[in-house]
């Protein structure tokens, strides 16, 4: 039976994205099931767009799933990369997810280069530096692997100023919150007075 249908309720813009919803979303996003993965990408795209998906909840869920190399980072990076290309706000949220994920790693998985490659692309586009916490994770990495090379590249990434893309992302975040508040206010008035 197809599993993607179980994610359909998460499309509702006023349904909070709970821990259980985030868990279902993240499992589907890194799944081998192409339909479930596509649905998860669509759901996370919408949840970022309407302001329900915060990088902390998504990342903490991914971290909880990440033990024993359970998550294939190429699948995760592919999904997040697709989402990040939709708007400046999506890119900003995905960059936040990757930085928080990186900060939580005691030892980087072998396939971490997939996540690091996307992170450096997003930080360059936004004109934002690597966080101090994420920097601490990368400083001890040695060698000539893809992961080590990207770690060094991230450590030397020090943009002088944020780009216009970051300003656009902040404006989109603000518009999303205002739009949601206006919708809730309208709905609460309608509930009180059905004639409005």
N, C-alpha and C. Protein backbone atom coordinates (compact mmCIF):
# COMPACT_ATOMS: atom_id res chain seq x y z
N UNK A 1 0.84 -1.20 0.00
CA UNK A 1 0.00 0.00 0.00
C UNK A 1 0.87 1.25 0.00
N UNK A 2 0.47 2.28 -0.71
CA UNK A 2 1.27 3.51 -0.71
C UNK A 2 1.25 4.18 0.66
N UNK A 3 2.41 4.69 1.06
CA UNK A 3 2.53 5.34 2.37
C UNK A 3 2.41 6.86 2.31
N UNK A 4 2.57 7.44 1.12
CA UNK A 4 2.62 8.89 1.03
C UNK A 4 1.34 9.55 1.52
N UNK A 5 0.22 8.84 1.46
CA UNK A 5 -1.07 9.42 1.85
C UNK A 5 -1.10 9.81 3.33
N UNK A 6 -0.27 9.14 4.15
CA UNK A 6 -0.26 9.45 5.58
C UNK A 6 0.26 10.85 5.87
N UNK A 7 0.96 11.45 4.90
CA UNK A 7 1.49 12.79 5.09
C UNK A 7 0.50 13.88 4.69
N UNK A 8 -0.58 13.50 4.03
CA UNK A 8 -1.53 14.49 3.49
C UNK A 8 -2.08 15.47 4.52
N UNK A 9 -2.41 15.02 5.76
CA UNK A 9 -2.93 15.99 6.74
C UNK A 9 -1.96 17.12 7.06
N UNK A 10 -0.66 16.89 6.83
CA UNK A 10 0.34 17.92 7.15
C UNK A 10 0.33 19.08 6.15
N UNK A 11 -0.45 18.95 5.08
CA UNK A 11 -0.57 20.07 4.14
C UNK A 11 -1.45 21.19 4.70
N UNK A 12 -2.29 20.88 5.68
CA UNK A 12 -3.21 21.89 6.21
C UNK A 12 -2.43 23.03 6.85
N UNK A 13 -2.60 24.27 6.37
CA UNK A 13 -1.74 25.37 6.80
C UNK A 13 -1.88 25.76 8.26
N UNK A 14 -2.99 25.39 8.90
CA UNK A 14 -3.17 25.75 10.30
C UNK A 14 -3.05 24.54 11.23
N UNK A 15 -2.57 23.43 10.70
CA UNK A 15 -2.29 22.26 11.54
C UNK A 15 -0.85 22.39 12.04
N UNK A 16 -0.65 22.50 13.34
CA UNK A 16 0.73 22.64 13.85
C UNK A 16 1.58 21.43 13.45
N UNK A 17 2.83 21.68 13.17
CA UNK A 17 3.76 20.60 12.86
C UNK A 17 4.33 20.09 14.18
N UNK A 18 3.75 19.01 14.69
CA UNK A 18 4.14 18.45 15.98
C UNK A 18 5.37 17.56 15.82
N UNK A 19 5.87 17.05 16.94
CA UNK A 19 7.01 16.13 16.89
C UNK A 19 6.67 14.89 16.07
N UNK A 20 5.46 14.37 16.24
CA UNK A 20 5.06 13.17 15.48
C UNK A 20 4.96 13.49 13.99
N UNK A 21 4.41 14.65 13.65
CA UNK A 21 4.35 15.06 12.25
C UNK A 21 5.72 15.24 11.65
N UNK A 22 6.63 15.86 12.43
CA UNK A 22 8.00 16.06 11.95
C UNK A 22 8.71 14.73 11.76
N UNK A 23 8.43 13.77 12.65
CA UNK A 23 9.04 12.44 12.53
C UNK A 23 8.58 11.75 11.25
N UNK A 24 7.27 11.76 10.99
CA UNK A 24 6.75 11.16 9.76
C UNK A 24 7.34 11.84 8.54
N UNK A 25 7.44 13.16 8.59
CA UNK A 25 7.98 13.94 7.48
C UNK A 25 9.44 13.60 7.21
N UNK A 26 10.25 13.54 8.26
CA UNK A 26 11.68 13.30 8.09
C UNK A 26 11.97 11.87 7.64
N UNK A 27 11.23 10.90 8.19
CA UNK A 27 11.41 9.51 7.76
C UNK A 27 11.09 9.39 6.27
N UNK A 28 10.00 10.02 5.84
CA UNK A 28 9.62 9.95 4.42
C UNK A 28 10.64 10.68 3.54
N UNK A 29 11.20 11.77 4.05
CA UNK A 29 12.12 12.57 3.25
C UNK A 29 13.42 11.83 2.93
N UNK A 30 13.83 10.92 3.80
CA UNK A 30 15.07 10.16 3.55
C UNK A 30 14.78 8.72 3.11
N UNK A 31 13.53 8.47 2.77
CA UNK A 31 13.10 7.13 2.40
C UNK A 31 13.52 6.76 0.99
N UNK A 32 13.59 5.45 0.74
CA UNK A 32 13.81 4.96 -0.62
C UNK A 32 12.52 4.98 -1.43
N UNK A 33 11.40 5.14 -0.76
CA UNK A 33 10.09 5.19 -1.41
C UNK A 33 9.97 6.55 -2.11
N UNK A 34 10.03 6.54 -3.42
CA UNK A 34 10.05 7.79 -4.19
C UNK A 34 8.80 8.62 -3.98
N UNK A 35 7.63 7.96 -3.88
CA UNK A 35 6.38 8.70 -3.68
C UNK A 35 6.33 9.35 -2.30
N UNK A 36 6.77 8.62 -1.28
CA UNK A 36 6.79 9.18 0.07
C UNK A 36 7.78 10.34 0.15
N UNK A 37 8.92 10.18 -0.48
CA UNK A 37 9.94 11.25 -0.47
C UNK A 37 9.41 12.50 -1.18
N UNK A 38 8.78 12.32 -2.33
CA UNK A 38 8.24 13.46 -3.07
C UNK A 38 7.16 14.17 -2.26
N UNK A 39 6.31 13.39 -1.59
CA UNK A 39 5.26 13.99 -0.76
C UNK A 39 5.87 14.75 0.41
N UNK A 40 6.92 14.18 1.02
CA UNK A 40 7.58 14.84 2.15
C UNK A 40 8.21 16.16 1.71
N UNK A 41 8.81 16.17 0.54
CA UNK A 41 9.40 17.41 0.01
C UNK A 41 8.31 18.46 -0.19
N UNK A 42 7.18 18.05 -0.74
CA UNK A 42 6.06 18.98 -0.95
C UNK A 42 5.52 19.51 0.39
N UNK A 43 5.39 18.61 1.37
CA UNK A 43 4.88 19.03 2.68
C UNK A 43 5.83 20.01 3.34
N UNK A 44 7.13 19.69 3.35
CA UNK A 44 8.09 20.60 4.01
C UNK A 44 8.16 21.93 3.28
N UNK A 45 8.05 21.89 1.96
CA UNK A 45 8.02 23.13 1.18
C UNK A 45 6.85 24.01 1.63
N UNK A 46 5.67 23.42 1.74
CA UNK A 46 4.48 24.18 2.16
C UNK A 46 4.60 24.64 3.62
N UNK A 47 5.12 23.77 4.47
CA UNK A 47 5.23 24.12 5.90
C UNK A 47 6.23 25.24 6.13
N UNK A 48 7.27 25.33 5.32
CA UNK A 48 8.19 26.47 5.39
C UNK A 48 7.48 27.71 4.86
N UNK A 49 6.77 27.55 3.76
CA UNK A 49 6.08 28.67 3.12
C UNK A 49 5.05 29.32 4.05
N UNK A 50 4.33 28.48 4.81
CA UNK A 50 3.30 29.06 5.68
C UNK A 50 3.79 29.28 7.12
N UNK A 51 5.07 29.06 7.36
CA UNK A 51 5.66 29.42 8.65
C UNK A 51 5.58 28.37 9.74
N UNK A 52 5.10 27.16 9.41
CA UNK A 52 4.98 26.13 10.45
C UNK A 52 6.28 25.38 10.70
N UNK A 53 7.14 25.28 9.69
CA UNK A 53 8.36 24.47 9.81
C UNK A 53 9.52 25.34 10.24
N UNK A 54 9.98 25.12 11.45
CA UNK A 54 11.14 25.83 11.96
C UNK A 54 12.33 24.89 11.92
N UNK A 55 13.50 25.44 11.65
CA UNK A 55 14.67 24.58 11.47
C UNK A 55 15.02 23.77 12.73
N UNK A 56 14.67 24.27 13.91
CA UNK A 56 15.01 23.56 15.14
C UNK A 56 14.25 22.23 15.23
N UNK A 57 12.95 22.26 15.00
CA UNK A 57 12.14 21.03 15.08
C UNK A 57 12.59 20.01 14.04
N UNK A 58 12.79 20.46 12.81
CA UNK A 58 13.19 19.53 11.74
C UNK A 58 14.56 18.94 12.04
N UNK A 59 15.50 19.78 12.43
CA UNK A 59 16.86 19.29 12.69
C UNK A 59 16.90 18.35 13.87
N UNK A 60 16.24 18.70 14.95
CA UNK A 60 16.25 17.83 16.13
C UNK A 60 15.64 16.48 15.82
N UNK A 61 14.65 16.45 14.95
CA UNK A 61 14.06 15.18 14.52
C UNK A 61 15.06 14.37 13.70
N UNK A 62 15.75 15.03 12.79
CA UNK A 62 16.77 14.35 11.99
C UNK A 62 17.90 13.83 12.85
N UNK A 63 18.30 14.61 13.85
CA UNK A 63 19.37 14.18 14.75
C UNK A 63 18.94 12.93 15.52
N UNK A 64 17.68 12.92 15.95
CA UNK A 64 17.16 11.76 16.66
C UNK A 64 17.14 10.51 15.79
N UNK A 65 16.98 10.68 14.49
CA UNK A 65 16.96 9.55 13.57
C UNK A 65 18.34 9.12 13.12
N UNK A 66 19.34 9.96 13.36
CA UNK A 66 20.63 9.79 12.70
C UNK A 66 21.58 8.78 13.29
N UNK A 67 21.25 8.11 14.37
CA UNK A 67 22.18 7.16 14.97
C UNK A 67 22.49 5.99 14.05
N UNK A 68 23.72 5.47 14.18
CA UNK A 68 24.15 4.29 13.43
C UNK A 68 24.01 4.46 11.92
N UNK A 69 24.24 5.65 11.44
CA UNK A 69 24.21 5.94 10.00
C UNK A 69 22.89 5.53 9.35
N UNK A 70 21.79 5.69 10.08
CA UNK A 70 20.49 5.30 9.55
C UNK A 70 20.08 6.19 8.39
N UNK A 71 20.43 7.48 8.46
CA UNK A 71 20.06 8.41 7.39
C UNK A 71 21.15 8.44 6.33
N UNK A 72 20.75 8.26 5.09
CA UNK A 72 21.67 8.40 3.97
C UNK A 72 21.71 9.88 3.61
N UNK A 73 22.85 10.51 3.81
CA UNK A 73 22.93 11.97 3.65
C UNK A 73 22.79 12.42 2.20
N UNK A 74 23.07 11.54 1.25
CA UNK A 74 22.83 11.94 -0.14
C UNK A 74 21.34 12.14 -0.40
N UNK A 75 20.50 11.29 0.21
CA UNK A 75 19.05 11.45 0.06
C UNK A 75 18.58 12.73 0.75
N UNK A 76 19.09 12.96 1.96
CA UNK A 76 18.70 14.16 2.69
C UNK A 76 19.13 15.42 1.95
N UNK A 77 20.37 15.44 1.48
CA UNK A 77 20.87 16.62 0.77
C UNK A 77 20.11 16.86 -0.53
N UNK A 78 19.74 15.79 -1.23
CA UNK A 78 18.96 15.94 -2.45
C UNK A 78 17.61 16.59 -2.15
N UNK A 79 16.94 16.08 -1.10
CA UNK A 79 15.62 16.61 -0.74
C UNK A 79 15.72 18.07 -0.29
N UNK A 80 16.66 18.35 0.61
CA UNK A 80 16.81 19.71 1.11
C UNK A 80 17.28 20.67 0.02
N UNK A 81 18.12 20.17 -0.88
CA UNK A 81 18.58 21.01 -1.99
C UNK A 81 17.42 21.42 -2.89
N UNK A 82 16.54 20.48 -3.16
CA UNK A 82 15.36 20.77 -3.98
C UNK A 82 14.49 21.84 -3.30
N UNK A 83 14.30 21.70 -2.00
CA UNK A 83 13.49 22.67 -1.25
C UNK A 83 14.17 24.04 -1.22
N UNK A 84 15.48 24.06 -1.04
CA UNK A 84 16.20 25.33 -0.89
C UNK A 84 16.16 26.19 -2.14
N UNK A 85 15.94 25.58 -3.29
CA UNK A 85 15.95 26.35 -4.54
C UNK A 85 14.63 27.05 -4.83
N UNK A 86 13.63 26.88 -3.97
CA UNK A 86 12.31 27.44 -4.25
C UNK A 86 12.19 28.92 -3.91
N UNK A 87 12.88 29.38 -2.90
CA UNK A 87 12.83 30.80 -2.54
C UNK A 87 13.97 31.12 -1.59
N UNK A 88 14.18 32.40 -1.36
CA UNK A 88 15.20 32.83 -0.39
C UNK A 88 14.87 32.32 1.00
N UNK A 89 13.58 32.35 1.37
CA UNK A 89 13.17 31.88 2.69
C UNK A 89 13.44 30.39 2.85
N UNK A 90 13.16 29.60 1.82
CA UNK A 90 13.43 28.17 1.88
C UNK A 90 14.94 27.92 2.02
N UNK A 91 15.73 28.68 1.28
CA UNK A 91 17.19 28.53 1.38
C UNK A 91 17.67 28.85 2.80
N UNK A 92 17.11 29.89 3.40
CA UNK A 92 17.50 30.29 4.75
C UNK A 92 17.16 29.21 5.78
N UNK A 93 15.97 28.64 5.67
CA UNK A 93 15.56 27.58 6.61
C UNK A 93 16.44 26.35 6.44
N UNK A 94 16.70 25.96 5.20
CA UNK A 94 17.54 24.77 4.95
C UNK A 94 18.96 25.01 5.47
N UNK A 95 19.50 26.20 5.28
CA UNK A 95 20.83 26.50 5.82
C UNK A 95 20.82 26.36 7.34
N UNK A 96 19.74 26.80 7.98
CA UNK A 96 19.61 26.64 9.43
C UNK A 96 19.56 25.18 9.85
N UNK A 97 18.84 24.37 9.09
CA UNK A 97 18.76 22.93 9.37
C UNK A 97 20.15 22.31 9.30
N UNK A 98 20.89 22.61 8.24
CA UNK A 98 22.20 22.00 8.05
C UNK A 98 23.21 22.46 9.10
N UNK A 99 23.17 23.74 9.47
CA UNK A 99 24.11 24.22 10.49
C UNK A 99 23.83 23.59 11.84
N UNK A 100 22.55 23.49 12.20
CA UNK A 100 22.21 22.87 13.49
C UNK A 100 22.56 21.39 13.49
N UNK A 101 22.31 20.71 12.36
CA UNK A 101 22.69 19.30 12.24
C UNK A 101 24.19 19.13 12.41
N UNK A 102 24.95 20.00 11.75
CA UNK A 102 26.42 19.92 11.81
C UNK A 102 26.91 20.13 13.24
N UNK A 103 26.32 21.07 13.94
CA UNK A 103 26.71 21.38 15.32
C UNK A 103 26.53 20.17 16.23
N UNK A 104 25.52 19.35 15.96
CA UNK A 104 25.20 18.21 16.84
C UNK A 104 26.09 16.99 16.59
N UNK A 105 26.90 17.01 15.53
CA UNK A 105 27.69 15.83 15.19
C UNK A 105 28.97 15.75 16.02
N UNK A 106 29.13 14.63 16.72
CA UNK A 106 30.39 14.41 17.44
C UNK A 106 31.47 13.94 16.48
N UNK A 107 31.03 13.15 15.51
CA UNK A 107 31.92 12.68 14.45
C UNK A 107 31.11 12.67 13.16
N UNK A 108 31.67 13.27 12.13
CA UNK A 108 30.91 13.37 10.88
C UNK A 108 30.81 12.00 10.19
N UNK A 109 29.62 11.68 9.69
CA UNK A 109 29.47 10.42 8.93
C UNK A 109 30.31 10.45 7.66
N UNK A 110 30.56 9.27 7.10
CA UNK A 110 31.40 9.18 5.91
C UNK A 110 30.83 9.96 4.74
N UNK A 111 29.50 10.02 4.66
CA UNK A 111 28.88 10.69 3.51
C UNK A 111 28.48 12.15 3.82
N UNK A 112 29.15 12.74 4.81
CA UNK A 112 28.82 14.12 5.22
C UNK A 112 29.09 15.14 4.12
N UNK A 113 29.92 14.79 3.15
CA UNK A 113 30.22 15.76 2.09
C UNK A 113 28.97 16.20 1.34
N UNK A 114 27.96 15.35 1.29
CA UNK A 114 26.71 15.73 0.61
C UNK A 114 26.07 16.93 1.32
N UNK A 115 26.02 16.87 2.64
CA UNK A 115 25.42 17.95 3.43
C UNK A 115 26.31 19.19 3.42
N UNK A 116 27.63 18.99 3.53
CA UNK A 116 28.55 20.13 3.56
C UNK A 116 28.55 20.89 2.24
N UNK A 117 28.45 20.17 1.15
CA UNK A 117 28.43 20.80 -0.17
C UNK A 117 27.22 21.72 -0.31
N UNK A 118 26.06 21.24 0.11
CA UNK A 118 24.86 22.07 0.05
C UNK A 118 24.96 23.24 1.00
N UNK A 119 25.52 23.02 2.18
CA UNK A 119 25.63 24.10 3.16
C UNK A 119 26.50 25.24 2.64
N UNK A 120 27.63 24.92 2.06
CA UNK A 120 28.51 26.00 1.58
C UNK A 120 27.86 26.76 0.43
N UNK A 121 27.11 26.04 -0.39
CA UNK A 121 26.37 26.70 -1.50
C UNK A 121 25.36 27.71 -0.94
N UNK A 122 24.64 27.31 0.11
CA UNK A 122 23.61 28.19 0.68
C UNK A 122 24.22 29.36 1.45
N UNK A 123 25.28 29.10 2.21
CA UNK A 123 25.92 30.19 2.95
C UNK A 123 26.49 31.24 1.99
N UNK A 124 27.05 30.79 0.87
CA UNK A 124 27.57 31.72 -0.13
C UNK A 124 26.44 32.54 -0.75
N UNK A 125 25.33 31.89 -1.05
CA UNK A 125 24.19 32.59 -1.66
C UNK A 125 23.60 33.62 -0.71
N UNK A 126 23.55 33.29 0.59
CA UNK A 126 22.97 34.19 1.59
C UNK A 126 23.97 35.22 2.10
N UNK A 127 25.26 34.94 1.92
CA UNK A 127 26.29 35.85 2.43
C UNK A 127 26.40 35.80 3.94
N UNK A 128 26.17 34.62 4.51
CA UNK A 128 26.25 34.46 5.96
C UNK A 128 27.41 33.54 6.31
N UNK A 129 28.05 33.77 7.45
CA UNK A 129 29.18 32.93 7.85
C UNK A 129 28.71 31.64 8.50
N UNK A 130 29.62 30.71 8.61
CA UNK A 130 29.38 29.48 9.36
C UNK A 130 29.27 29.85 10.84
N UNK A 131 28.32 29.23 11.54
CA UNK A 131 28.17 29.54 12.96
C UNK A 131 29.38 29.04 13.75
N UNK A 132 29.64 29.67 14.88
CA UNK A 132 30.77 29.27 15.72
C UNK A 132 30.62 27.82 16.19
N UNK A 133 29.39 27.42 16.48
CA UNK A 133 29.16 26.05 16.96
C UNK A 133 29.48 25.03 15.87
N UNK A 134 29.04 25.31 14.65
CA UNK A 134 29.33 24.41 13.52
C UNK A 134 30.82 24.42 13.20
N UNK A 135 31.45 25.57 13.35
CA UNK A 135 32.90 25.68 13.12
C UNK A 135 33.66 24.74 14.04
N UNK A 136 33.22 24.66 15.29
CA UNK A 136 33.89 23.78 16.26
C UNK A 136 33.85 22.32 15.83
N UNK A 137 32.76 21.91 15.18
CA UNK A 137 32.64 20.53 14.70
C UNK A 137 33.64 20.24 13.60
N UNK A 138 33.93 21.23 12.77
CA UNK A 138 34.76 21.01 11.58
C UNK A 138 36.25 21.17 11.83
N UNK A 139 36.62 21.87 12.89
CA UNK A 139 38.04 22.24 13.07
C UNK A 139 38.97 21.05 13.24
N UNK A 140 38.47 19.93 13.75
CA UNK A 140 39.36 18.79 13.98
C UNK A 140 39.47 17.83 12.80
N UNK A 141 38.82 18.13 11.69
CA UNK A 141 38.81 17.19 10.56
C UNK A 141 40.09 17.33 9.74
N UNK A 142 40.76 16.21 9.54
CA UNK A 142 42.02 16.18 8.78
C UNK A 142 41.86 15.27 7.57
N UNK A 143 42.85 15.31 6.69
CA UNK A 143 42.87 14.38 5.56
C UNK A 143 42.52 15.04 4.24
N UNK A 144 42.35 14.21 3.22
CA UNK A 144 42.12 14.73 1.87
C UNK A 144 40.81 14.20 1.28
N UNK A 145 39.93 13.71 2.13
CA UNK A 145 38.64 13.22 1.64
C UNK A 145 37.78 14.40 1.18
N UNK A 146 36.68 14.08 0.49
CA UNK A 146 35.75 15.14 0.07
C UNK A 146 35.24 15.92 1.28
N UNK A 147 34.93 15.19 2.35
CA UNK A 147 34.42 15.84 3.57
C UNK A 147 35.46 16.78 4.14
N UNK A 148 36.73 16.34 4.21
CA UNK A 148 37.80 17.18 4.77
C UNK A 148 38.01 18.43 3.93
N UNK A 149 37.99 18.29 2.61
CA UNK A 149 38.18 19.45 1.72
C UNK A 149 37.06 20.46 1.88
N UNK A 150 35.81 19.95 1.97
CA UNK A 150 34.68 20.86 2.15
C UNK A 150 34.68 21.49 3.54
N UNK A 151 35.16 20.74 4.53
CA UNK A 151 35.27 21.30 5.88
C UNK A 151 36.23 22.49 5.88
N UNK A 152 37.37 22.34 5.21
CA UNK A 152 38.33 23.45 5.13
C UNK A 152 37.74 24.64 4.37
N UNK A 153 36.99 24.35 3.32
CA UNK A 153 36.36 25.42 2.55
C UNK A 153 35.34 26.18 3.40
N UNK A 154 34.58 25.46 4.18
CA UNK A 154 33.60 26.10 5.07
C UNK A 154 34.29 26.94 6.14
N UNK A 155 35.41 26.44 6.66
CA UNK A 155 36.13 27.16 7.72
C UNK A 155 36.73 28.47 7.20
N UNK A 156 37.02 28.53 5.92
CA UNK A 156 37.59 29.76 5.35
C UNK A 156 36.52 30.67 4.74
N UNK A 157 35.27 30.22 4.78
CA UNK A 157 34.17 31.02 4.21
C UNK A 157 33.83 32.16 5.18
N UNK A 158 34.21 33.38 4.80
CA UNK A 158 33.95 34.54 5.65
C UNK A 158 33.46 35.70 4.79
N UNK A 159 32.18 35.70 4.44
CA UNK A 159 31.66 36.77 3.60
C UNK A 159 31.71 38.12 4.31
N UNK A 160 31.97 39.17 3.54
CA UNK A 160 32.08 40.50 4.13
C UNK A 160 30.72 41.06 4.51
N UNK A 161 29.73 40.84 3.66
CA UNK A 161 28.38 41.36 3.94
C UNK A 161 27.34 40.35 3.49
N UNK A 162 26.17 40.37 4.13
CA UNK A 162 25.07 39.52 3.67
C UNK A 162 24.63 39.94 2.27
N UNK A 163 24.09 39.02 1.52
CA UNK A 163 23.61 39.32 0.17
C UNK A 163 22.15 39.80 0.24
N UNK A 164 21.67 40.27 -0.89
CA UNK A 164 20.27 40.69 -0.96
C UNK A 164 19.33 39.51 -0.75
N UNK A 165 19.81 38.31 -1.00
CA UNK A 165 19.00 37.10 -0.81
C UNK A 165 18.63 36.93 0.67
N UNK A 166 19.55 37.26 1.57
CA UNK A 166 19.24 37.15 3.00
C UNK A 166 18.17 38.16 3.39
N UNK A 167 18.28 39.39 2.88
CA UNK A 167 17.26 40.40 3.16
C UNK A 167 15.90 39.95 2.63
N UNK A 168 15.91 39.34 1.46
CA UNK A 168 14.66 38.84 0.86
C UNK A 168 14.07 37.73 1.73
N UNK A 169 14.93 36.86 2.25
CA UNK A 169 14.46 35.76 3.12
C UNK A 169 13.81 36.32 4.38
N UNK A 170 14.44 37.33 4.99
CA UNK A 170 13.88 37.92 6.21
C UNK A 170 12.52 38.56 5.94
N UNK A 171 12.41 39.22 4.78
CA UNK A 171 11.14 39.85 4.40
C UNK A 171 10.06 38.78 4.17
N UNK A 172 10.43 37.69 3.53
CA UNK A 172 9.47 36.60 3.31
C UNK A 172 9.01 35.98 4.63
N UNK A 173 9.94 35.80 5.57
CA UNK A 173 9.56 35.29 6.90
C UNK A 173 8.53 36.21 7.55
N UNK A 174 8.80 37.51 7.48
CA UNK A 174 7.90 38.50 8.09
C UNK A 174 6.52 38.48 7.43
N UNK A 175 6.49 38.47 6.10
CA UNK A 175 5.21 38.44 5.38
C UNK A 175 4.41 37.18 5.72
N UNK A 176 5.10 36.07 5.85
CA UNK A 176 4.44 34.81 6.20
C UNK A 176 3.76 34.91 7.55
N UNK A 177 4.47 35.47 8.53
CA UNK A 177 3.91 35.59 9.88
C UNK A 177 2.72 36.56 9.91
N UNK A 178 2.84 37.67 9.19
CA UNK A 178 1.74 38.64 9.15
C UNK A 178 0.52 38.03 8.48
N UNK A 179 0.74 37.33 7.37
CA UNK A 179 -0.36 36.70 6.64
C UNK A 179 -1.06 35.66 7.51
N UNK A 180 -0.29 34.90 8.25
CA UNK A 180 -0.88 33.88 9.12
C UNK A 180 -1.69 34.52 10.25
N UNK A 181 -1.14 35.58 10.83
CA UNK A 181 -1.86 36.28 11.91
C UNK A 181 -3.16 36.88 11.40
N UNK A 182 -3.13 37.47 10.20
CA UNK A 182 -4.34 38.04 9.61
C UNK A 182 -5.39 36.97 9.34
N UNK A 183 -4.94 35.79 8.87
CA UNK A 183 -5.88 34.70 8.60
C UNK A 183 -6.51 34.21 9.90
N UNK A 184 -5.71 34.06 10.94
CA UNK A 184 -6.22 33.61 12.24
C UNK A 184 -7.20 34.62 12.82
N UNK A 185 -6.87 35.91 12.67
CA UNK A 185 -7.74 36.94 13.19
C UNK A 185 -9.08 36.92 12.46
N UNK A 186 -9.04 36.76 11.16
CA UNK A 186 -10.27 36.69 10.36
C UNK A 186 -11.09 35.47 10.75
N UNK A 187 -10.44 34.34 10.93
CA UNK A 187 -11.14 33.10 11.31
C UNK A 187 -11.74 33.19 12.70
N UNK A 188 -11.03 33.85 13.62
CA UNK A 188 -11.56 33.97 14.99
C UNK A 188 -12.77 34.91 15.01
N UNK A 189 -12.74 35.96 14.19
CA UNK A 189 -13.89 36.87 14.09
C UNK A 189 -15.09 36.14 13.50
N UNK A 190 -14.82 35.30 12.48
CA UNK A 190 -15.92 34.56 11.86
C UNK A 190 -16.53 33.56 12.83
N UNK A 191 -15.71 33.01 13.71
CA UNK A 191 -16.21 32.04 14.69
C UNK A 191 -17.10 32.74 15.72
N UNK A 192 -16.76 34.00 16.04
CA UNK A 192 -17.54 34.74 17.01
C UNK A 192 -18.81 35.28 16.37
N UNK A 193 -18.68 35.84 15.16
CA UNK A 193 -19.81 36.43 14.46
C UNK A 193 -19.90 35.83 13.06
N UNK A 194 -20.76 34.86 12.82
CA UNK A 194 -20.87 34.20 11.51
C UNK A 194 -21.24 35.16 10.39
N UNK A 195 -21.71 36.37 10.68
CA UNK A 195 -22.11 37.32 9.64
C UNK A 195 -20.93 38.11 9.09
N UNK A 196 -19.74 37.96 9.68
CA UNK A 196 -18.57 38.72 9.20
C UNK A 196 -17.93 38.03 8.02
